[in-house]
N, C-alpha and C. Protein backbone atom coordinates (compact mmCIF):
# COMPACT_ATOMS: atom_id res chain seq x y z
N UNK A 1 -14.22 12.49 13.46
CA UNK A 1 -12.83 12.48 13.90
C UNK A 1 -11.99 13.22 12.84
N UNK A 2 -11.13 14.07 13.29
CA UNK A 2 -10.29 14.82 12.35
C UNK A 2 -9.19 13.91 11.80
N UNK A 3 -8.67 14.29 10.65
CA UNK A 3 -7.60 13.52 10.02
C UNK A 3 -6.37 13.47 10.94
N UNK A 4 -6.04 14.60 11.58
CA UNK A 4 -4.88 14.65 12.47
C UNK A 4 -5.06 13.73 13.67
N UNK A 5 -6.27 13.72 14.25
CA UNK A 5 -6.53 12.85 15.40
C UNK A 5 -6.42 11.38 14.99
N UNK A 6 -6.96 11.06 13.80
CA UNK A 6 -6.87 9.68 13.32
C UNK A 6 -5.40 9.28 13.13
N UNK A 7 -4.59 10.19 12.59
CA UNK A 7 -3.17 9.90 12.43
C UNK A 7 -2.49 9.70 13.78
N UNK A 8 -2.87 10.48 14.78
CA UNK A 8 -2.32 10.30 16.13
C UNK A 8 -2.66 8.91 16.67
N UNK A 9 -3.90 8.48 16.48
CA UNK A 9 -4.32 7.16 16.95
C UNK A 9 -3.57 6.05 16.21
N UNK A 10 -3.38 6.22 14.91
CA UNK A 10 -2.64 5.22 14.13
C UNK A 10 -1.20 5.10 14.63
N UNK A 11 -0.60 6.23 14.98
CA UNK A 11 0.76 6.21 15.51
C UNK A 11 0.81 5.51 16.87
N UNK A 12 -0.19 5.73 17.71
CA UNK A 12 -0.27 5.04 19.01
C UNK A 12 -0.31 3.53 18.81
N UNK A 13 -1.14 3.09 17.88
CA UNK A 13 -1.26 1.66 17.59
C UNK A 13 0.06 1.14 17.02
N UNK A 14 0.64 1.90 16.08
CA UNK A 14 1.89 1.50 15.46
C UNK A 14 3.02 1.36 16.46
N UNK A 15 3.03 2.20 17.47
CA UNK A 15 4.07 2.14 18.50
C UNK A 15 4.03 0.81 19.26
N UNK A 16 2.87 0.16 19.31
CA UNK A 16 2.72 -1.11 20.01
C UNK A 16 3.23 -2.31 19.20
N UNK A 17 3.52 -2.09 17.92
CA UNK A 17 3.95 -3.19 17.04
C UNK A 17 5.48 -3.21 16.98
N UNK A 18 6.11 -4.26 17.54
CA UNK A 18 7.58 -4.31 17.59
C UNK A 18 8.26 -4.15 16.23
N UNK A 19 7.71 -4.73 15.18
CA UNK A 19 8.34 -4.63 13.85
C UNK A 19 8.38 -3.20 13.33
N UNK A 20 7.52 -2.33 13.84
CA UNK A 20 7.48 -0.95 13.37
C UNK A 20 8.46 -0.03 14.11
N UNK A 21 9.29 -0.61 14.98
CA UNK A 21 10.31 0.18 15.68
C UNK A 21 11.60 0.28 14.85
N UNK A 22 11.66 -0.48 13.76
CA UNK A 22 12.80 -0.42 12.85
C UNK A 22 12.84 0.98 12.23
N UNK A 23 14.03 1.55 12.17
CA UNK A 23 14.17 2.89 11.61
C UNK A 23 14.25 2.82 10.09
N UNK A 24 13.70 3.84 9.45
CA UNK A 24 13.71 3.90 7.99
C UNK A 24 13.90 5.34 7.55
N UNK A 25 14.41 5.52 6.36
CA UNK A 25 14.65 6.87 5.82
C UNK A 25 13.55 7.26 4.85
N UNK A 26 13.22 8.53 4.86
CA UNK A 26 12.21 9.07 3.96
C UNK A 26 12.66 10.47 3.56
N UNK A 27 12.63 10.76 2.26
CA UNK A 27 13.01 12.09 1.78
C UNK A 27 11.76 12.90 1.50
N UNK A 28 11.76 14.14 1.97
CA UNK A 28 10.65 15.06 1.71
C UNK A 28 11.24 16.40 1.26
N UNK A 29 10.42 17.20 0.61
CA UNK A 29 10.84 18.54 0.21
C UNK A 29 10.16 19.54 1.13
N UNK A 30 10.98 20.34 1.80
CA UNK A 30 10.49 21.34 2.75
C UNK A 30 11.09 22.68 2.38
N UNK A 31 10.24 23.62 2.01
CA UNK A 31 10.73 24.95 1.64
C UNK A 31 11.67 24.92 0.44
N UNK A 32 11.43 24.00 -0.48
CA UNK A 32 12.26 23.89 -1.67
C UNK A 32 13.53 23.10 -1.48
N UNK A 33 13.78 22.65 -0.25
CA UNK A 33 14.98 21.86 0.03
C UNK A 33 14.61 20.41 0.31
N UNK A 34 15.41 19.50 -0.20
CA UNK A 34 15.17 18.08 0.04
C UNK A 34 15.78 17.71 1.40
N UNK A 35 14.93 17.18 2.28
CA UNK A 35 15.35 16.82 3.63
C UNK A 35 15.14 15.33 3.82
N UNK A 36 16.13 14.65 4.40
CA UNK A 36 16.01 13.22 4.66
C UNK A 36 15.71 13.02 6.14
N UNK A 37 14.66 12.25 6.41
CA UNK A 37 14.28 11.95 7.80
C UNK A 37 14.61 10.49 8.07
N UNK A 38 15.11 10.19 9.26
CA UNK A 38 15.37 8.82 9.68
C UNK A 38 14.61 8.61 10.98
N UNK A 39 13.49 7.89 10.90
CA UNK A 39 12.60 7.72 12.04
C UNK A 39 12.12 6.28 12.12
N UNK A 40 11.60 5.88 13.30
CA UNK A 40 10.96 4.57 13.37
C UNK A 40 9.74 4.56 12.45
N UNK A 41 9.45 3.39 11.89
CA UNK A 41 8.33 3.28 10.95
C UNK A 41 7.02 3.75 11.57
N UNK A 42 6.80 3.46 12.86
CA UNK A 42 5.51 3.81 13.47
C UNK A 42 5.27 5.31 13.47
N UNK A 43 6.34 6.11 13.48
CA UNK A 43 6.18 7.57 13.47
C UNK A 43 5.74 8.09 12.10
N UNK A 44 5.92 7.29 11.06
CA UNK A 44 5.59 7.72 9.70
C UNK A 44 4.21 7.26 9.24
N UNK A 45 3.52 6.50 10.07
CA UNK A 45 2.21 5.97 9.68
C UNK A 45 1.16 7.09 9.68
N UNK A 46 0.38 7.14 8.59
CA UNK A 46 -0.73 8.09 8.48
C UNK A 46 -1.93 7.37 7.88
N UNK A 47 -3.05 8.05 7.82
CA UNK A 47 -4.23 7.45 7.20
C UNK A 47 -3.97 7.18 5.72
N UNK A 48 -3.12 7.99 5.10
CA UNK A 48 -2.76 7.73 3.70
C UNK A 48 -1.98 6.43 3.57
N UNK A 49 -1.09 6.15 4.54
CA UNK A 49 -0.36 4.88 4.55
C UNK A 49 -1.35 3.73 4.61
N UNK A 50 -2.36 3.87 5.46
CA UNK A 50 -3.37 2.82 5.60
C UNK A 50 -4.15 2.64 4.30
N UNK A 51 -4.48 3.73 3.64
CA UNK A 51 -5.23 3.67 2.38
C UNK A 51 -4.42 2.95 1.30
N UNK A 52 -3.16 3.34 1.17
CA UNK A 52 -2.31 2.71 0.16
C UNK A 52 -2.06 1.24 0.49
N UNK A 53 -1.83 0.93 1.75
CA UNK A 53 -1.61 -0.46 2.15
C UNK A 53 -2.85 -1.30 1.86
N UNK A 54 -4.02 -0.76 2.17
CA UNK A 54 -5.27 -1.47 1.88
C UNK A 54 -5.36 -1.78 0.39
N UNK A 55 -5.15 -0.77 -0.44
CA UNK A 55 -5.27 -0.96 -1.89
C UNK A 55 -4.27 -2.00 -2.40
N UNK A 56 -3.04 -1.91 -1.94
CA UNK A 56 -2.01 -2.86 -2.38
C UNK A 56 -2.31 -4.27 -1.90
N UNK A 57 -2.65 -4.41 -0.62
CA UNK A 57 -2.92 -5.75 -0.07
C UNK A 57 -4.14 -6.40 -0.71
N UNK A 58 -5.18 -5.63 -0.98
CA UNK A 58 -6.37 -6.20 -1.63
C UNK A 58 -6.04 -6.63 -3.06
N UNK A 59 -5.24 -5.83 -3.75
CA UNK A 59 -4.83 -6.19 -5.11
C UNK A 59 -4.06 -7.50 -5.09
N UNK A 60 -3.11 -7.62 -4.16
CA UNK A 60 -2.30 -8.84 -4.06
C UNK A 60 -3.13 -10.04 -3.62
N UNK A 61 -4.24 -9.80 -2.91
CA UNK A 61 -5.12 -10.89 -2.47
C UNK A 61 -6.06 -11.35 -3.59
N UNK A 62 -6.05 -10.63 -4.71
CA UNK A 62 -6.86 -11.04 -5.84
C UNK A 62 -8.20 -10.35 -5.98
N UNK A 63 -8.47 -9.35 -5.15
CA UNK A 63 -9.71 -8.59 -5.27
C UNK A 63 -9.70 -7.85 -6.61
N UNK A 64 -10.80 -7.89 -7.36
CA UNK A 64 -10.82 -7.20 -8.66
C UNK A 64 -10.47 -5.72 -8.52
N UNK A 65 -9.66 -5.25 -9.45
CA UNK A 65 -9.20 -3.86 -9.44
C UNK A 65 -10.37 -2.88 -9.38
N UNK A 66 -11.41 -3.14 -10.16
CA UNK A 66 -12.57 -2.24 -10.21
C UNK A 66 -13.24 -2.11 -8.84
N UNK A 67 -13.24 -3.19 -8.06
CA UNK A 67 -13.83 -3.17 -6.72
C UNK A 67 -13.00 -2.30 -5.78
N UNK A 68 -11.69 -2.46 -5.83
CA UNK A 68 -10.81 -1.65 -4.97
C UNK A 68 -10.91 -0.18 -5.36
N UNK A 69 -10.96 0.09 -6.65
CA UNK A 69 -11.05 1.47 -7.14
C UNK A 69 -12.34 2.14 -6.67
N UNK A 70 -13.41 1.37 -6.55
CA UNK A 70 -14.68 1.93 -6.07
C UNK A 70 -14.55 2.39 -4.62
N UNK A 71 -13.71 1.72 -3.86
CA UNK A 71 -13.50 2.08 -2.45
C UNK A 71 -12.50 3.22 -2.31
N UNK A 72 -11.41 3.16 -3.08
CA UNK A 72 -10.35 4.18 -2.94
C UNK A 72 -10.66 5.47 -3.69
N UNK A 73 -11.59 5.40 -4.64
CA UNK A 73 -11.97 6.60 -5.38
C UNK A 73 -11.13 6.87 -6.62
N UNK A 74 -10.30 5.91 -7.02
CA UNK A 74 -9.53 6.09 -8.25
C UNK A 74 -10.47 5.98 -9.45
N UNK A 75 -10.30 6.87 -10.41
CA UNK A 75 -11.19 6.87 -11.59
C UNK A 75 -10.65 6.03 -12.73
N UNK A 76 -9.32 5.94 -12.82
CA UNK A 76 -8.75 5.16 -13.92
C UNK A 76 -7.85 4.06 -13.37
N UNK A 77 -7.80 2.97 -14.11
CA UNK A 77 -6.93 1.86 -13.70
C UNK A 77 -5.46 2.28 -13.79
N UNK A 78 -5.15 3.14 -14.74
CA UNK A 78 -3.77 3.63 -14.88
C UNK A 78 -3.33 4.36 -13.61
N UNK A 79 -4.18 5.24 -13.09
CA UNK A 79 -3.86 5.97 -11.86
C UNK A 79 -3.76 5.01 -10.68
N UNK A 80 -4.66 4.04 -10.63
CA UNK A 80 -4.66 3.07 -9.54
C UNK A 80 -3.37 2.25 -9.53
N UNK A 81 -2.94 1.78 -10.70
CA UNK A 81 -1.74 0.95 -10.78
C UNK A 81 -0.49 1.74 -10.40
N UNK A 82 -0.48 3.05 -10.67
CA UNK A 82 0.65 3.88 -10.24
C UNK A 82 0.62 4.08 -8.72
N UNK A 83 -0.57 4.06 -8.15
CA UNK A 83 -0.76 4.34 -6.72
C UNK A 83 -0.30 3.18 -5.84
N UNK A 84 -0.66 1.95 -6.24
CA UNK A 84 -0.31 0.80 -5.40
C UNK A 84 1.18 0.50 -5.55
N UNK A 85 1.71 -0.15 -4.55
CA UNK A 85 3.13 -0.50 -4.55
C UNK A 85 3.27 -2.00 -4.76
N UNK A 86 3.38 -2.41 -6.03
CA UNK A 86 3.52 -3.83 -6.36
C UNK A 86 4.79 -3.98 -7.21
N UNK A 87 5.68 -4.86 -6.75
CA UNK A 87 6.94 -5.07 -7.45
C UNK A 87 6.74 -6.04 -8.62
N UNK A 88 7.65 -6.04 -9.58
CA UNK A 88 7.57 -7.02 -10.67
C UNK A 88 7.54 -8.47 -10.14
N UNK A 89 8.28 -8.72 -9.07
CA UNK A 89 8.28 -10.07 -8.47
C UNK A 89 6.88 -10.43 -7.95
N UNK A 90 6.20 -9.46 -7.33
CA UNK A 90 4.84 -9.72 -6.83
C UNK A 90 3.86 -9.94 -7.99
N UNK A 91 4.04 -9.21 -9.08
CA UNK A 91 3.20 -9.44 -10.26
C UNK A 91 3.41 -10.86 -10.79
N UNK A 92 4.66 -11.31 -10.83
CA UNK A 92 4.97 -12.66 -11.30
C UNK A 92 4.35 -13.70 -10.37
N UNK A 93 4.42 -13.48 -9.07
CA UNK A 93 3.83 -14.41 -8.10
C UNK A 93 2.32 -14.49 -8.29
N UNK A 94 1.67 -13.35 -8.49
CA UNK A 94 0.22 -13.32 -8.73
C UNK A 94 -0.15 -14.12 -9.97
N UNK A 95 0.60 -13.92 -11.03
CA UNK A 95 0.32 -14.64 -12.27
C UNK A 95 0.51 -16.14 -12.06
N UNK A 96 1.56 -16.53 -11.36
CA UNK A 96 1.79 -17.95 -11.06
C UNK A 96 0.65 -18.55 -10.27
N UNK A 97 0.14 -17.81 -9.29
CA UNK A 97 -1.00 -18.30 -8.49
C UNK A 97 -2.23 -18.49 -9.37
N UNK A 98 -2.49 -17.53 -10.23
CA UNK A 98 -3.67 -17.62 -11.10
C UNK A 98 -3.55 -18.82 -12.03
N UNK A 99 -2.36 -19.04 -12.58
CA UNK A 99 -2.17 -20.17 -13.49
C UNK A 99 -2.34 -21.50 -12.75
N UNK A 100 -1.83 -21.58 -11.53
CA UNK A 100 -1.94 -22.84 -10.79
C UNK A 100 -3.37 -23.11 -10.33
N UNK A 101 -4.20 -22.08 -10.23
CA UNK A 101 -5.59 -22.26 -9.81
C UNK A 101 -6.51 -22.69 -10.95
N UNK A 102 -6.04 -22.60 -12.16
CA UNK A 102 -6.87 -23.01 -13.30
C UNK A 102 -6.91 -24.53 -13.37
N UNK A 103 -8.08 -25.07 -13.64
CA UNK A 103 -8.23 -26.52 -13.73
C UNK A 103 -7.48 -27.06 -14.94
N UNK A 104 -7.91 -26.69 -16.08
CA UNK A 104 -7.22 -27.09 -17.30
C UNK A 104 -7.63 -26.13 -18.41
N UNK A 105 -6.76 -26.00 -19.35
CA UNK A 105 -7.04 -25.12 -20.48
C UNK A 105 -7.53 -25.95 -21.65
N UNK A 106 -8.46 -25.41 -22.39
CA UNK A 106 -8.99 -26.09 -23.56
C UNK A 106 -8.32 -25.55 -24.81
N UNK A 107 -8.01 -26.45 -25.73
CA UNK A 107 -7.49 -26.02 -27.02
C UNK A 107 -8.68 -25.56 -27.86
N UNK A 108 -8.54 -24.42 -28.49
CA UNK A 108 -9.66 -23.89 -29.27
C UNK A 108 -9.34 -23.94 -30.74
């Protein structure tokens, strides 16, 4: 399947999701000029969106970074962390979850 055909299929699926009918703005550079697009979210979905969403969602679910990187093809953790979209609030939530899952800490 070609990348373009896959993107077409993703847009078809996205069109069926009511939450993706919300309009959003996206800035792109075309011919050296910055152009702002305002479209429904489903029109902006691509295989790259799916790849980034997968990486971000798996990271937030607690999957080890090295495991996700093996799937996405990132070579360095620095590049991977720049790639995923995780807010400081989400980092704090993750840390809170990890702390609450620990049984007890030992004094050493």
